[in-house]
């Protein structure tokens, strides 16, 4: 049976076309994203929250790099 519709080829073509468009005109990506957010009611992205630095765990057998003597 012969395929009449190739979804994989279609998605590759769309991805390639959008990649070229946004590579040549990066400002279009931002404009399109804002339009989609407005259309679908998504909130504006927020700045990432800062997290507290996590201390590195202490070495289980002395200082890192220290050679243990038996």
C-alpha atoms as a PDB file:
ATOM      1  CA  UNK A   1       0.000   0.000   0.000  1.00  0.00           C
ATOM      2  CA  UNK A   2       1.391   3.374  -1.010  1.00  0.00           C
ATOM      3  CA  UNK A   3       1.534   6.179   1.542  1.00  0.00           C
ATOM      4  CA  UNK A   4      -0.383   9.281   0.571  1.00  0.00           C
ATOM      5  CA  UNK A   5       0.854  11.387   3.482  1.00  0.00           C
ATOM      6  CA  UNK A   6       4.332  11.372   5.045  1.00  0.00           C
ATOM      7  CA  UNK A   7       4.128  13.042   8.472  1.00  0.00           C
ATOM      8  CA  UNK A   8       7.845  12.608   9.201  1.00  0.00           C
ATOM      9  CA  UNK A   9       8.840  14.386   5.989  1.00  0.00           C
ATOM     10  CA  UNK A  10       6.348  17.156   6.706  1.00  0.00           C
ATOM     11  CA  UNK A  11       7.753  17.730  10.228  1.00  0.00           C
ATOM     12  CA  UNK A  12      11.327  17.759   8.893  1.00  0.00           C
ATOM     13  CA  UNK A  13      10.358  20.346   6.285  1.00  0.00           C
ATOM     14  CA  UNK A  14       8.627  22.524   8.886  1.00  0.00           C
ATOM     15  CA  UNK A  15      11.573  22.273  11.287  1.00  0.00           C
ATOM     16  CA  UNK A  16      14.050  23.147   8.535  1.00  0.00           C
ATOM     17  CA  UNK A  17      11.968  26.112   7.348  1.00  0.00           C
ATOM     18  CA  UNK A  18      11.580  27.526  10.864  1.00  0.00           C
ATOM     19  CA  UNK A  19      15.251  26.968  11.625  1.00  0.00           C
ATOM     20  CA  UNK A  20      16.279  28.968   8.563  1.00  0.00           C
ATOM     21  CA  UNK A  21      13.754  31.703   9.339  1.00  0.00           C
ATOM     22  CA  UNK A  22      14.840  32.160  12.956  1.00  0.00           C
ATOM     23  CA  UNK A  23      18.556  31.877  12.154  1.00  0.00           C
ATOM     24  CA  UNK A  24      18.325  34.660   9.576  1.00  0.00           C
ATOM     25  CA  UNK A  25      16.013  36.837  11.735  1.00  0.00           C
ATOM     26  CA  UNK A  26      16.375  36.067  15.482  1.00  0.00           C
ATOM     27  CA  UNK A  27      13.945  38.852  16.428  1.00  0.00           C
ATOM     28  CA  UNK A  28      11.146  36.924  14.689  1.00  0.00           C
ATOM     29  CA  UNK A  29      11.480  34.087  17.194  1.00  0.00           C
ATOM     30  CA  UNK A  30      10.829  36.428  20.112  1.00  0.00           C
ATOM     31  CA  UNK A  31       7.905  38.078  18.314  1.00  0.00           C
ATOM     32  CA  UNK A  32       6.330  34.730  17.448  1.00  0.00           C
ATOM     33  CA  UNK A  33       6.710  33.444  21.016  1.00  0.00           C
ATOM     34  CA  UNK A  34       5.041  36.569  22.408  1.00  0.00           C
ATOM     35  CA  UNK A  35       2.187  36.152  19.923  1.00  0.00           C
ATOM     36  CA  UNK A  36       1.635  32.523  20.962  1.00  0.00           C
ATOM     37  CA  UNK A  37       1.671  33.514  24.653  1.00  0.00           C
ATOM     38  CA  UNK A  38      -0.992  36.173  24.038  1.00  0.00           C
ATOM     39  CA  UNK A  39      -3.112  33.894  21.861  1.00  0.00           C
ATOM     40  CA  UNK A  40      -3.145  30.995  24.345  1.00  0.00           C
ATOM     41  CA  UNK A  41      -3.053  33.012  27.569  1.00  0.00           C
ATOM     42  CA  UNK A  42       0.348  31.844  28.789  1.00  0.00           C
ATOM     43  CA  UNK A  43       1.965  34.072  31.427  1.00  0.00           C
ATOM     44  CA  UNK A  44       5.088  36.033  30.598  1.00  0.00           C
ATOM     45  CA  UNK A  45       8.257  34.141  31.521  1.00  0.00           C
ATOM     46  CA  UNK A  46       9.770  35.140  34.839  1.00  0.00           C
ATOM     47  CA  UNK A  47      13.424  35.578  35.644  1.00  0.00           C
ATOM     48  CA  UNK A  48      14.885  32.356  37.012  1.00  0.00           C
ATOM     49  CA  UNK A  49      14.956  32.145  40.779  1.00  0.00           C
ATOM     50  CA  UNK A  50      18.343  32.220  42.393  1.00  0.00           C
ATOM     51  CA  UNK A  51      19.140  29.217  44.496  1.00  0.00           C
ATOM     52  CA  UNK A  52      21.413  28.925  47.446  1.00  0.00           C
ATOM     53  CA  UNK A  53      24.794  27.416  46.812  1.00  0.00           C
ATOM     54  CA  UNK A  54      25.037  23.828  47.931  1.00  0.00           C
ATOM     55  CA  UNK A  55      28.148  22.989  49.893  1.00  0.00           C
ATOM     56  CA  UNK A  56      30.167  20.107  48.600  1.00  0.00           C
ATOM     57  CA  UNK A  57      30.007  17.061  50.843  1.00  0.00           C
ATOM     58  CA  UNK A  58      33.013  16.453  53.027  1.00  0.00           C
ATOM     59  CA  UNK A  59      35.344  13.694  51.950  1.00  0.00           C
ATOM     60  CA  UNK A  60      34.467  10.532  53.890  1.00  0.00           C
ATOM     61  CA  UNK A  61      38.074   9.735  54.795  1.00  0.00           C
ATOM     62  CA  UNK A  62      39.924  13.004  55.251  1.00  0.00           C
ATOM     63  CA  UNK A  63      40.594  15.883  52.906  1.00  0.00           C
ATOM     64  CA  UNK A  64      40.196  15.523  49.137  1.00  0.00           C
ATOM     65  CA  UNK A  65      43.445  14.461  47.537  1.00  0.00           C
ATOM     66  CA  UNK A  66      44.911  13.294  50.829  1.00  0.00           C
ATOM     67  CA  UNK A  67      46.495   9.851  50.752  1.00  0.00           C
ATOM     68  CA  UNK A  68      45.372   7.558  53.553  1.00  0.00           C
ATOM     69  CA  UNK A  69      48.016   5.525  55.335  1.00  0.00           C
ATOM     70  CA  UNK A  70      47.103   2.207  56.890  1.00  0.00           C
END
